[in-house]
Amino acid sequence: MAPEVQIKTEFKPKPLDVWAMGISIYSVVFGKLPFENNEEIKTKIPDFNIPVASTYQGDKSNQISEECKICLQGILNKEPELRPTISEAI
Protein backbone atom coordinates (compact mmCIF):
# COMPACT_ATOMS: atom_id res chain seq x y z
CA MET A 1 0.00 0.00 0.00
CA ALA A 2 1.39 3.39 -1.03
CA PRO A 3 2.01 5.95 1.72
CA GLU A 4 -0.55 8.75 1.99
CA VAL A 5 0.65 12.01 0.44
CA GLN A 6 -0.36 15.19 2.21
CA ILE A 7 -0.64 18.35 0.18
CA LYS A 8 0.31 21.36 2.27
CA THR A 9 -1.02 24.04 -0.07
CA GLU A 10 -3.89 24.28 -2.46
CA PHE A 11 -3.02 23.41 -6.06
CA LYS A 12 -3.33 26.50 -8.23
CA PRO A 13 -2.95 25.57 -11.90
CA LYS A 14 -2.81 29.05 -13.41
CA PRO A 15 0.19 30.29 -11.38
CA LEU A 16 1.87 26.98 -12.17
CA ASP A 17 1.31 27.58 -15.89
CA VAL A 18 2.88 31.03 -15.53
CA TRP A 19 5.87 29.46 -13.72
CA ALA A 20 6.31 26.91 -16.52
CA MET A 21 6.12 29.69 -19.11
CA GLY A 22 8.85 31.56 -17.22
CA ILE A 23 11.10 28.50 -17.13
CA SER A 24 10.61 28.08 -20.89
CA ILE A 25 11.29 31.74 -21.67
CA TYR A 26 14.39 31.79 -19.44
CA SER A 27 15.70 28.67 -21.19
CA VAL A 28 15.20 30.16 -24.65
CA VAL A 29 16.75 33.51 -23.74
CA PHE A 30 19.76 32.24 -21.80
CA GLY A 31 20.24 28.77 -23.29
CA LYS A 32 20.11 27.06 -19.90
CA LEU A 33 17.64 26.29 -17.14
CA PRO A 34 17.37 28.78 -14.26
CA PHE A 35 17.57 25.93 -11.71
CA GLU A 36 19.56 22.70 -11.83
CA ASN A 37 17.61 20.74 -9.20
CA ASN A 38 14.66 20.89 -6.80
CA GLU A 39 16.78 22.31 -3.97
CA GLU A 40 17.81 25.27 -6.13
CA ILE A 41 14.15 25.96 -6.90
CA LYS A 42 13.63 26.48 -3.16
CA THR A 43 16.77 28.50 -2.47
CA LYS A 44 18.25 30.09 -5.59
CA ILE A 45 17.29 33.31 -7.32
CA PRO A 46 17.82 32.97 -11.10
CA ASP A 47 20.70 34.95 -12.58
CA PHE A 48 19.40 37.52 -15.05
CA ASN A 49 22.78 39.18 -15.62
CA ILE A 50 24.32 36.42 -17.69
CA PRO A 51 24.82 36.81 -21.45
CA VAL A 52 21.90 35.84 -23.63
CA ALA A 53 22.14 32.64 -25.67
CA SER A 54 22.28 34.40 -29.03
CA THR A 55 22.03 37.86 -30.51
CA TYR A 56 20.87 39.26 -33.79
CA GLN A 57 23.47 40.48 -36.27
CA GLY A 58 24.52 43.99 -35.39
CA ASP A 59 23.09 43.80 -31.86
CA LYS A 60 26.01 44.57 -29.59
CA SER A 61 24.06 43.97 -26.38
CA ASN A 62 24.42 40.55 -24.83
CA GLN A 63 22.15 41.33 -21.86
CA ILE A 64 18.36 41.25 -21.62
CA SER A 65 16.46 44.51 -21.36
CA GLU A 66 15.41 45.79 -17.96
CA GLU A 67 11.76 45.23 -18.98
CA CYS A 68 12.43 41.58 -19.81
CA LYS A 69 14.32 41.13 -16.55
CA ILE A 70 11.44 42.59 -14.48
CA CYS A 71 8.91 40.44 -16.34
CA LEU A 72 10.90 37.22 -15.80
CA GLN A 73 11.49 38.06 -12.15
CA GLY A 74 7.74 38.37 -11.66
CA ILE A 75 6.92 35.22 -13.61
CA LEU A 76 9.51 33.20 -11.65
CA ASN A 77 8.41 34.55 -8.27
CA LYS A 78 8.42 31.66 -5.80
CA GLU A 79 5.15 32.90 -4.27
CA PRO A 80 2.35 31.82 -6.66
CA GLU A 81 -0.05 34.53 -5.54
CA LEU A 82 2.52 37.21 -6.40
CA ARG A 83 3.07 36.03 -9.99
CA PRO A 84 1.40 37.93 -12.79
CA THR A 85 -1.31 36.26 -14.80
CA ILE A 86 -0.40 35.19 -18.31
CA SER A 87 -2.29 38.23 -19.67
CA GLU A 88 -0.37 40.57 -17.34
CA ALA A 89 2.95 38.98 -18.27
CA ILE A 90 2.29 39.39 -21.98
PDB file of N, CA and C in Angstrom:
ATOM      1  N   MET A   1       0.834  -1.170   0.000  1.00  0.00           N
ATOM      2  CA  MET A   1       0.000   0.000   0.000  1.00  0.00           C
ATOM      3  C   MET A   1       0.885   1.243   0.000  1.00  0.00           C
ATOM      4  N   ALA A   2       0.596   2.173  -0.903  1.00  0.00           N
ATOM      5  CA  ALA A   2       1.388   3.389  -1.030  1.00  0.00           C
ATOM      6  C   ALA A   2       1.142   4.309   0.155  1.00  0.00           C
ATOM      7  N   PRO A   3       2.196   5.023   0.605  1.00  0.00           N
ATOM      8  CA  PRO A   3       2.008   5.954   1.716  1.00  0.00           C
ATOM      9  C   PRO A   3       1.096   7.107   1.300  1.00  0.00           C
ATOM     10  N   GLU A   4       0.344   7.627   2.271  1.00  0.00           N
ATOM     11  CA  GLU A   4      -0.552   8.746   1.993  1.00  0.00           C
ATOM     12  C   GLU A   4       0.267  10.016   1.793  1.00  0.00           C
ATOM     13  N   VAL A   5      -0.048  10.762   0.746  1.00  0.00           N
ATOM     14  CA  VAL A   5       0.645  12.012   0.443  1.00  0.00           C
ATOM     15  C   VAL A   5      -0.213  13.159   0.932  1.00  0.00           C
ATOM     16  N   GLN A   6       0.372  14.031   1.712  1.00  0.00           N
ATOM     17  CA  GLN A   6      -0.357  15.189   2.207  1.00  0.00           C
ATOM     18  C   GLN A   6       0.068  16.415   1.424  1.00  0.00           C
ATOM     19  N   ILE A   7      -0.907  17.120   0.909  1.00  0.00           N
ATOM     20  CA  ILE A   7      -0.639  18.351   0.178  1.00  0.00           C
ATOM     21  C   ILE A   7      -0.770  19.503   1.165  1.00  0.00           C
ATOM     22  N   LYS A   8       0.291  20.286   1.284  1.00  0.00           N
ATOM     23  CA  LYS A   8       0.307  21.359   2.274  1.00  0.00           C
ATOM     24  C   LYS A   8      -0.371  22.634   1.776  1.00  0.00           C
ATOM     25  N   THR A   9      -0.385  22.842   0.482  1.00  0.00           N
ATOM     26  CA  THR A   9      -1.016  24.037  -0.066  1.00  0.00           C
ATOM     27  C   THR A   9      -1.987  23.638  -1.158  1.00  0.00           C
ATOM     28  N   GLU A  10      -2.909  24.526  -1.419  1.00  0.00           N
ATOM     29  CA  GLU A  10      -3.891  24.279  -2.464  1.00  0.00           C
ATOM     30  C   GLU A  10      -3.217  24.346  -3.826  1.00  0.00           C
ATOM     31  N   PHE A  11      -3.559  23.414  -4.705  1.00  0.00           N
ATOM     32  CA  PHE A  11      -3.018  23.410  -6.064  1.00  0.00           C
ATOM     33  C   PHE A  11      -3.661  24.537  -6.857  1.00  0.00           C
ATOM     34  N   LYS A  12      -2.849  25.369  -7.449  1.00  0.00           N
ATOM     35  CA  LYS A  12      -3.333  26.500  -8.232  1.00  0.00           C
ATOM     36  C   LYS A  12      -2.747  26.376  -9.634  1.00  0.00           C
ATOM     37  N   PRO A  13      -3.518  25.856 -10.585  1.00  0.00           N
ATOM     38  CA  PRO A  13      -2.950  25.572 -11.901  1.00  0.00           C
ATOM     39  C   PRO A  13      -2.497  26.796 -12.678  1.00  0.00           C
ATOM     40  N   LYS A  14      -3.201  27.896 -12.590  1.00  0.00           N
ATOM     41  CA  LYS A  14      -2.812  29.048 -13.407  1.00  0.00           C
ATOM     42  C   LYS A  14      -1.458  29.622 -13.004  1.00  0.00           C
ATOM     43  N   PRO A  15      -1.170  29.848 -11.722  1.00  0.00           N
ATOM     44  CA  PRO A  15       0.188  30.293 -11.379  1.00  0.00           C
ATOM     45  C   PRO A  15       1.262  29.280 -11.778  1.00  0.00           C
ATOM     46  N   LEU A  16       0.925  28.003 -11.745  1.00  0.00           N
ATOM     47  CA  LEU A  16       1.875  26.983 -12.167  1.00  0.00           C
ATOM     48  C   LEU A  16       2.153  27.086 -13.667  1.00  0.00           C
ATOM     49  N   ASP A  17       1.119  27.374 -14.452  1.00  0.00           N
ATOM     50  CA  ASP A  17       1.306  27.575 -15.895  1.00  0.00           C
ATOM     51  C   ASP A  17       2.205  28.774 -16.161  1.00  0.00           C
ATOM     52  N   VAL A  18       2.027  29.838 -15.382  1.00  0.00           N
ATOM     53  CA  VAL A  18       2.875  31.034 -15.534  1.00  0.00           C
ATOM     54  C   VAL A  18       4.318  30.676 -15.197  1.00  0.00           C
ATOM     55  N   TRP A  19       4.523  29.912 -14.112  1.00  0.00           N
ATOM     56  CA  TRP A  19       5.871  29.465 -13.720  1.00  0.00           C
ATOM     57  C   TRP A  19       6.518  28.679 -14.858  1.00  0.00           C
ATOM     58  N   ALA A  20       5.779  27.740 -15.422  1.00  0.00           N
ATOM     59  CA  ALA A  20       6.306  26.908 -16.517  1.00  0.00           C
ATOM     60  C   ALA A  20       6.662  27.769 -17.721  1.00  0.00           C
ATOM     61  N   MET A  21       5.823  28.764 -18.006  1.00  0.00           N
ATOM     62  CA  MET A  21       6.118  29.686 -19.105  1.00  0.00           C
ATOM     63  C   MET A  21       7.426  30.427 -18.823  1.00  0.00           C
ATOM     64  N   GLY A  22       7.620  30.852 -17.584  1.00  0.00           N
ATOM     65  CA  GLY A  22       8.850  31.556 -17.217  1.00  0.00           C
ATOM     66  C   GLY A  22      10.085  30.689 -17.365  1.00  0.00           C
ATOM     67  N   ILE A  23       9.980  29.431 -16.972  1.00  0.00           N
ATOM     68  CA  ILE A  23      11.105  28.498 -17.132  1.00  0.00           C
ATOM     69  C   ILE A  23      11.437  28.351 -18.615  1.00  0.00           C
ATOM     70  N   SER A  24      10.402  28.226 -19.440  1.00  0.00           N
ATOM     71  CA  SER A  24      10.605  28.078 -20.892  1.00  0.00           C
ATOM     72  C   SER A  24      11.247  29.325 -21.491  1.00  0.00           C
ATOM     73  N   ILE A  25      10.736  30.489 -21.133  1.00  0.00           N
ATOM     74  CA  ILE A  25      11.289  31.744 -21.668  1.00  0.00           C
ATOM     75  C   ILE A  25      12.740  31.913 -21.231  1.00  0.00           C
ATOM     76  N   TYR A  26      13.022  31.686 -19.952  1.00  0.00           N
ATOM     77  CA  TYR A  26      14.388  31.792 -19.437  1.00  0.00           C
ATOM     78  C   TYR A  26      15.315  30.878 -20.231  1.00  0.00           C
ATOM     79  N   SER A  27      14.875  29.650 -20.466  1.00  0.00           N
ATOM     80  CA  SER A  27      15.698  28.668 -21.187  1.00  0.00           C
ATOM     81  C   SER A  27      15.996  29.107 -22.608  1.00  0.00           C
ATOM     82  N   VAL A  28      15.008  29.686 -23.270  1.00  0.00           N
ATOM     83  CA  VAL A  28      15.202  30.157 -24.649  1.00  0.00           C
ATOM     84  C   VAL A  28      16.154  31.353 -24.667  1.00  0.00           C
ATOM     85  N   VAL A  29      15.944  32.286 -23.751  1.00  0.00           N
ATOM     86  CA  VAL A  29      16.747  33.515 -23.735  1.00  0.00           C
ATOM     87  C   VAL A  29      18.200  33.234 -23.353  1.00  0.00           C
ATOM     88  N   PHE A  30      18.401  32.431 -22.314  1.00  0.00           N
ATOM     89  CA  PHE A  30      19.757  32.238 -21.798  1.00  0.00           C
ATOM     90  C   PHE A  30      20.422  30.925 -22.218  1.00  0.00           C
ATOM     91  N   GLY A  31      19.660  30.028 -22.827  1.00  0.00           N
ATOM     92  CA  GLY A  31      20.240  28.772 -23.291  1.00  0.00           C
ATOM     93  C   GLY A  31      20.539  27.788 -22.177  1.00  0.00           C
ATOM     94  N   LYS A  32      19.930  27.975 -21.025  1.00  0.00           N
ATOM     95  CA  LYS A  32      20.112  27.058 -19.896  1.00  0.00           C
ATOM     96  C   LYS A  32      18.924  27.206 -18.962  1.00  0.00           C
ATOM     97  N   LEU A  33      18.723  26.223 -18.109  1.00  0.00           N
ATOM     98  CA  LEU A  33      17.639  26.289 -17.137  1.00  0.00           C
ATOM     99  C   LEU A  33      18.025  27.211 -15.980  1.00  0.00           C
ATOM    100  N   PRO A  34      17.047  27.889 -15.378  1.00  0.00           N
ATOM    101  CA  PRO A  34      17.375  28.777 -14.264  1.00  0.00           C
ATOM    102  C   PRO A  34      17.733  28.022 -12.982  1.00  0.00           C
ATOM    103  N   PHE A  35      17.306  26.757 -12.887  1.00  0.00           N
ATOM    104  CA  PHE A  35      17.572  25.935 -11.706  1.00  0.00           C
ATOM    105  C   PHE A  35      18.070  24.575 -12.169  1.00  0.00           C
ATOM    106  N   GLU A  36      19.019  24.006 -11.445  1.00  0.00           N
ATOM    107  CA  GLU A  36      19.563  22.704 -11.828  1.00  0.00           C
ATOM    108  C   GLU A  36      18.915  21.540 -11.093  1.00  0.00           C
ATOM    109  N   ASN A  37      18.247  21.814  -9.959  1.00  0.00           N
ATOM    110  CA  ASN A  37      17.608  20.743  -9.199  1.00  0.00           C
ATOM    111  C   ASN A  37      16.520  21.327  -8.308  1.00  0.00           C
ATOM    112  N   ASN A  38      15.772  20.449  -7.637  1.00  0.00           N
ATOM    113  CA  ASN A  38      14.662  20.893  -6.798  1.00  0.00           C
ATOM    114  C   ASN A  38      15.115  21.773  -5.641  1.00  0.00           C
ATOM    115  N   GLU A  39      16.279  21.499  -5.085  1.00  0.00           N
ATOM    116  CA  GLU A  39      16.778  22.310  -3.965  1.00  0.00           C
ATOM    117  C   GLU A  39      17.033  23.747  -4.420  1.00  0.00           C
ATOM    118  N   GLU A  40      17.573  23.920  -5.614  1.00  0.00           N
ATOM    119  CA  GLU A  40      17.808  25.269  -6.131  1.00  0.00           C
ATOM    120  C   GLU A  40      16.495  26.018  -6.345  1.00  0.00           C
ATOM    121  N   ILE A  41      15.447  25.307  -6.722  1.00  0.00           N
ATOM    122  CA  ILE A  41      14.149  25.963  -6.902  1.00  0.00           C
ATOM    123  C   ILE A  41      13.731  26.611  -5.588  1.00  0.00           C
ATOM    124  N   LYS A  42      14.016  25.960  -4.473  1.00  0.00           N
ATOM    125  CA  LYS A  42      13.633  26.483  -3.164  1.00  0.00           C
ATOM    126  C   LYS A  42      14.526  27.624  -2.699  1.00  0.00           C
ATOM    127  N   THR A  43      15.805  27.594  -3.089  1.00  0.00           N
ATOM    128  CA  THR A  43      16.773  28.501  -2.470  1.00  0.00           C
ATOM    129  C   THR A  43      17.406  29.533  -3.401  1.00  0.00           C
ATOM    130  N   LYS A  44      17.490  29.252  -4.672  1.00  0.00           N
ATOM    131  CA  LYS A  44      18.254  30.094  -5.592  1.00  0.00           C
ATOM    132  C   LYS A  44      17.375  31.122  -6.290  1.00  0.00           C
ATOM    133  N   ILE A  45      17.927  32.297  -6.487  1.00  0.00           N
ATOM    134  CA  ILE A  45      17.293  33.313  -7.324  1.00  0.00           C
ATOM    135  C   ILE A  45      17.976  33.212  -8.691  1.00  0.00           C
ATOM    136  N   PRO A  46      17.196  33.096  -9.778  1.00  0.00           N
ATOM    137  CA  PRO A  46      17.822  32.966 -11.101  1.00  0.00           C
ATOM    138  C   PRO A  46      18.719  34.169 -11.426  1.00  0.00           C
ATOM    139  N   ASP A  47      19.772  33.905 -12.157  1.00  0.00           N
ATOM    140  CA  ASP A  47      20.705  34.946 -12.582  1.00  0.00           C
ATOM    141  C   ASP A  47      20.203  35.550 -13.892  1.00  0.00           C
ATOM    142  N   PHE A  48      19.881  36.833 -13.859  1.00  0.00           N
ATOM    143  CA  PHE A  48      19.400  37.524 -15.052  1.00  0.00           C
ATOM    144  C   PHE A  48      20.491  38.391 -15.679  1.00  0.00           C
ATOM    145  N   ASN A  49      21.685  38.349 -15.125  1.00  0.00           N
ATOM    146  CA  ASN A  49      22.780  39.185 -15.620  1.00  0.00           C
ATOM    147  C   ASN A  49      23.797  38.399 -16.426  1.00  0.00           C
ATOM    148  N   ILE A  50      23.421  37.212 -16.864  1.00  0.00           N
ATOM    149  CA  ILE A  50      24.323  36.420 -17.692  1.00  0.00           C
ATOM    150  C   ILE A  50      24.075  36.764 -19.161  1.00  0.00           C
ATOM    151  N   PRO A  51      25.028  36.509 -20.025  1.00  0.00           N
ATOM    152  CA  PRO A  51      24.821  36.806 -21.450  1.00  0.00           C
ATOM    153  C   PRO A  51      23.688  35.973 -22.030  1.00  0.00           C
ATOM    154  N   VAL A  52      22.973  36.565 -22.964  1.00  0.00           N
ATOM    155  CA  VAL A  52      21.897  35.838 -23.632  1.00  0.00           C
ATOM    156  C   VAL A  52      22.490  34.763 -24.529  1.00  0.00           C
ATOM    157  N   ALA A  53      21.661  33.785 -24.901  1.00  0.00           N
ATOM    158  CA  ALA A  53      22.136  32.636 -25.672  1.00  0.00           C
ATOM    159  C   ALA A  53      22.587  33.031 -27.070  1.00  0.00           C
ATOM    160  N   SER A  54      21.896  33.968 -27.688  1.00  0.00           N
ATOM    161  CA  SER A  54      22.281  34.401 -29.032  1.00  0.00           C
ATOM    162  C   SER A  54      21.819  35.835 -29.228  1.00  0.00           C
ATOM    163  N   THR A  55      22.428  36.489 -30.194  1.00  0.00           N
ATOM    164  CA  THR A  55      22.031  37.865 -30.508  1.00  0.00           C
ATOM    165  C   THR A  55      21.849  37.996 -32.006  1.00  0.00           C
ATOM    166  N   TYR A  56      21.039  38.973 -32.385  1.00  0.00           N
ATOM    167  CA  TYR A  56      20.870  39.258 -33.794  1.00  0.00           C
ATOM    168  C   TYR A  56      22.119  39.932 -34.333  1.00  0.00           C
ATOM    169  N   GLN A  57      22.333  39.807 -35.643  1.00  0.00           N
ATOM    170  CA  GLN A  57      23.470  40.482 -36.267  1.00  0.00           C
ATOM    171  C   GLN A  57      23.381  41.972 -35.998  1.00  0.00           C
ATOM    172  N   GLY A  58      24.472  42.553 -35.620  1.00  0.00           N
ATOM    173  CA  GLY A  58      24.522  43.986 -35.386  1.00  0.00           C
ATOM    174  C   GLY A  58      24.106  44.391 -33.986  1.00  0.00           C
ATOM    175  N   ASP A  59      23.495  43.494 -33.229  1.00  0.00           N
ATOM    176  CA  ASP A  59      23.093  43.798 -31.862  1.00  0.00           C
ATOM    177  C   ASP A  59      24.304  43.587 -30.966  1.00  0.00           C
ATOM    178  N   LYS A  60      24.804  44.656 -30.393  1.00  0.00           N
ATOM    179  CA  LYS A  60      26.013  44.572 -29.589  1.00  0.00           C
ATOM    180  C   LYS A  60      25.711  44.249 -28.122  1.00  0.00           C
ATOM    181  N   SER A  61      24.439  44.261 -27.754  1.00  0.00           N
ATOM    182  CA  SER A  61      24.062  43.970 -26.383  1.00  0.00           C
ATOM    183  C   SER A  61      23.978  42.459 -26.187  1.00  0.00           C
ATOM    184  N   ASN A  62      24.544  41.976 -25.130  1.00  0.00           N
ATOM    185  CA  ASN A  62      24.416  40.552 -24.828  1.00  0.00           C
ATOM    186  C   ASN A  62      23.651  40.343 -23.527  1.00  0.00           C
ATOM    187  N   GLN A  63      22.948  41.385 -23.079  1.00  0.00           N
ATOM    188  CA  GLN A  63      22.152  41.327 -21.862  1.00  0.00           C
ATOM    189  C   GLN A  63      20.682  41.561 -22.208  1.00  0.00           C
ATOM    190  N   ILE A  64      19.776  41.006 -21.391  1.00  0.00           N
ATOM    191  CA  ILE A  64      18.355  41.246 -21.623  1.00  0.00           C
ATOM    192  C   ILE A  64      18.005  42.669 -21.196  1.00  0.00           C
ATOM    193  N   SER A  65      16.915  43.171 -21.725  1.00  0.00           N
ATOM    194  CA  SER A  65      16.459  44.506 -21.359  1.00  0.00           C
ATOM    195  C   SER A  65      15.967  44.501 -19.921  1.00  0.00           C
ATOM    196  N   GLU A  66      15.914  45.669 -19.332  1.00  0.00           N
ATOM    197  CA  GLU A  66      15.408  45.792 -17.963  1.00  0.00           C
ATOM    198  C   GLU A  66      13.944  45.351 -17.891  1.00  0.00           C
ATOM    199  N   GLU A  67      13.169  45.641 -18.937  1.00  0.00           N
ATOM    200  CA  GLU A  67      11.761  45.234 -18.981  1.00  0.00           C
ATOM    201  C   GLU A  67      11.625  43.714 -18.970  1.00  0.00           C
ATOM    202  N   CYS A  68      12.456  43.039 -19.758  1.00  0.00           N
ATOM    203  CA  CYS A  68      12.429  41.576 -19.806  1.00  0.00           C
ATOM    204  C   CYS A  68      12.850  41.000 -18.460  1.00  0.00           C
ATOM    205  N   LYS A  69      13.845  41.587 -17.855  1.00  0.00           N
ATOM    206  CA  LYS A  69      14.321  41.128 -16.549  1.00  0.00           C
ATOM    207  C   LYS A  69      13.212  41.238 -15.506  1.00  0.00           C
ATOM    208  N   ILE A  70      12.523  42.376 -15.451  1.00  0.00           N
ATOM    209  CA  ILE A  70      11.445  42.586 -14.481  1.00  0.00           C
ATOM    210  C   ILE A  70      10.311  41.600 -14.727  1.00  0.00           C
ATOM    211  N   CYS A  71       9.974  41.385 -15.988  1.00  0.00           N
ATOM    212  CA  CYS A  71       8.911  40.442 -16.335  1.00  0.00           C
ATOM    213  C   CYS A  71       9.271  39.031 -15.886  1.00  0.00           C
ATOM    214  N   LEU A  72      10.474  38.570 -16.204  1.00  0.00           N
ATOM    215  CA  LEU A  72      10.901  37.224 -15.802  1.00  0.00           C
ATOM    216  C   LEU A  72      10.988  37.079 -14.288  1.00  0.00           C
ATOM    217  N   GLN A  73      11.436  38.121 -13.604  1.00  0.00           N
ATOM    218  CA  GLN A  73      11.492  38.061 -12.149  1.00  0.00           C
ATOM    219  C   GLN A  73      10.098  37.855 -11.566  1.00  0.00           C
ATOM    220  N   GLY A  74       9.106  38.538 -12.127  1.00  0.00           N
ATOM    221  CA  GLY A  74       7.736  38.372 -11.663  1.00  0.00           C
ATOM    222  C   GLY A  74       7.194  36.993 -11.964  1.00  0.00           C
ATOM    223  N   ILE A  75       7.424  36.523 -13.177  1.00  0.00           N
ATOM    224  CA  ILE A  75       6.922  35.217 -13.608  1.00  0.00           C
ATOM    225  C   ILE A  75       7.552  34.096 -12.781  1.00  0.00           C
ATOM    226  N   LEU A  76       8.810  34.241 -12.413  1.00  0.00           N
ATOM    227  CA  LEU A  76       9.515  33.203 -11.654  1.00  0.00           C
ATOM    228  C   LEU A  76       9.479  33.449 -10.143  1.00  0.00           C
ATOM    229  N   ASN A  77       8.573  34.307  -9.703  1.00  0.00           N
ATOM    230  CA  ASN A  77       8.411  34.547  -8.273  1.00  0.00           C
ATOM    231  C   ASN A  77       8.025  33.243  -7.591  1.00  0.00           C
ATOM    232  N   LYS A  78       8.681  32.921  -6.500  1.00  0.00           N
ATOM    233  CA  LYS A  78       8.422  31.660  -5.804  1.00  0.00           C
ATOM    234  C   LYS A  78       7.071  31.645  -5.099  1.00  0.00           C
ATOM    235  N   GLU A  79       6.468  32.802  -4.893  1.00  0.00           N
ATOM    236  CA  GLU A  79       5.151  32.899  -4.265  1.00  0.00           C
ATOM    237  C   GLU A  79       4.087  32.959  -5.359  1.00  0.00           C
ATOM    238  N   PRO A  80       3.322  31.876  -5.559  1.00  0.00           N
ATOM    239  CA  PRO A  80       2.353  31.818  -6.657  1.00  0.00           C
ATOM    240  C   PRO A  80       1.380  32.981  -6.701  1.00  0.00           C
ATOM    241  N   GLU A  81       0.932  33.448  -5.544  1.00  0.00           N
ATOM    242  CA  GLU A  81      -0.048  34.533  -5.539  1.00  0.00           C
ATOM    243  C   GLU A  81       0.543  35.883  -5.944  1.00  0.00           C
ATOM    244  N   LEU A  82       1.865  35.977  -5.987  1.00  0.00           N
ATOM    245  CA  LEU A  82       2.516  37.215  -6.402  1.00  0.00           C
ATOM    246  C   LEU A  82       2.911  37.226  -7.883  1.00  0.00           C
ATOM    247  N   ARG A  83       2.760  36.094  -8.554  1.00  0.00           N
ATOM    248  CA  ARG A  83       3.074  36.029  -9.987  1.00  0.00           C
ATOM    249  C   ARG A  83       2.006  36.733 -10.798  1.00  0.00           C
ATOM    250  N   PRO A  84       2.413  37.347 -11.910  1.00  0.00           N
ATOM    251  CA  PRO A  84       1.400  37.933 -12.789  1.00  0.00           C
ATOM    252  C   PRO A  84       0.600  36.842 -13.469  1.00  0.00           C
ATOM    253  N   THR A  85      -0.577  37.195 -13.967  1.00  0.00           N
ATOM    254  CA  THR A  85      -1.315  36.264 -14.797  1.00  0.00           C
ATOM    255  C   THR A  85      -0.618  36.208 -16.153  1.00  0.00           C
ATOM    256  N   ILE A  86      -0.991  35.264 -16.972  1.00  0.00           N
ATOM    257  CA  ILE A  86      -0.403  35.188 -18.312  1.00  0.00           C
ATOM    258  C   ILE A  86      -0.691  36.469 -19.075  1.00  0.00           C
ATOM    259  N   SER A  87      -1.923  36.975 -18.977  1.00  0.00           N
ATOM    260  CA  SER A  87      -2.292  38.225 -19.665  1.00  0.00           C
ATOM    261  C   SER A  87      -1.425  39.387 -19.191  1.00  0.00           C
ATOM    262  N   GLU A  88      -1.187  39.499 -17.881  1.00  0.00           N
ATOM    263  CA  GLU A  88      -0.370  40.570 -17.345  1.00  0.00           C
ATOM    264  C   GLU A  88       1.086  40.431 -17.808  1.00  0.00           C
ATOM    265  N   ALA A  89       1.567  39.219 -17.855  1.00  0.00           N
ATOM    266  CA  ALA A  89       2.953  38.984 -18.272  1.00  0.00           C
ATOM    267  C   ALA A  89       3.175  39.367 -19.729  1.00  0.00           C
ATOM    268  N   ILE A  90       2.177  39.077 -20.559  1.00  0.00           N
ATOM    269  CA  ILE A  90       2.290  39.394 -21.983  1.00  0.00           C
ATOM    270  C   ILE A  90       2.231  40.891 -22.159  1.00  0.00           C
TER     271      ILE A  90
END
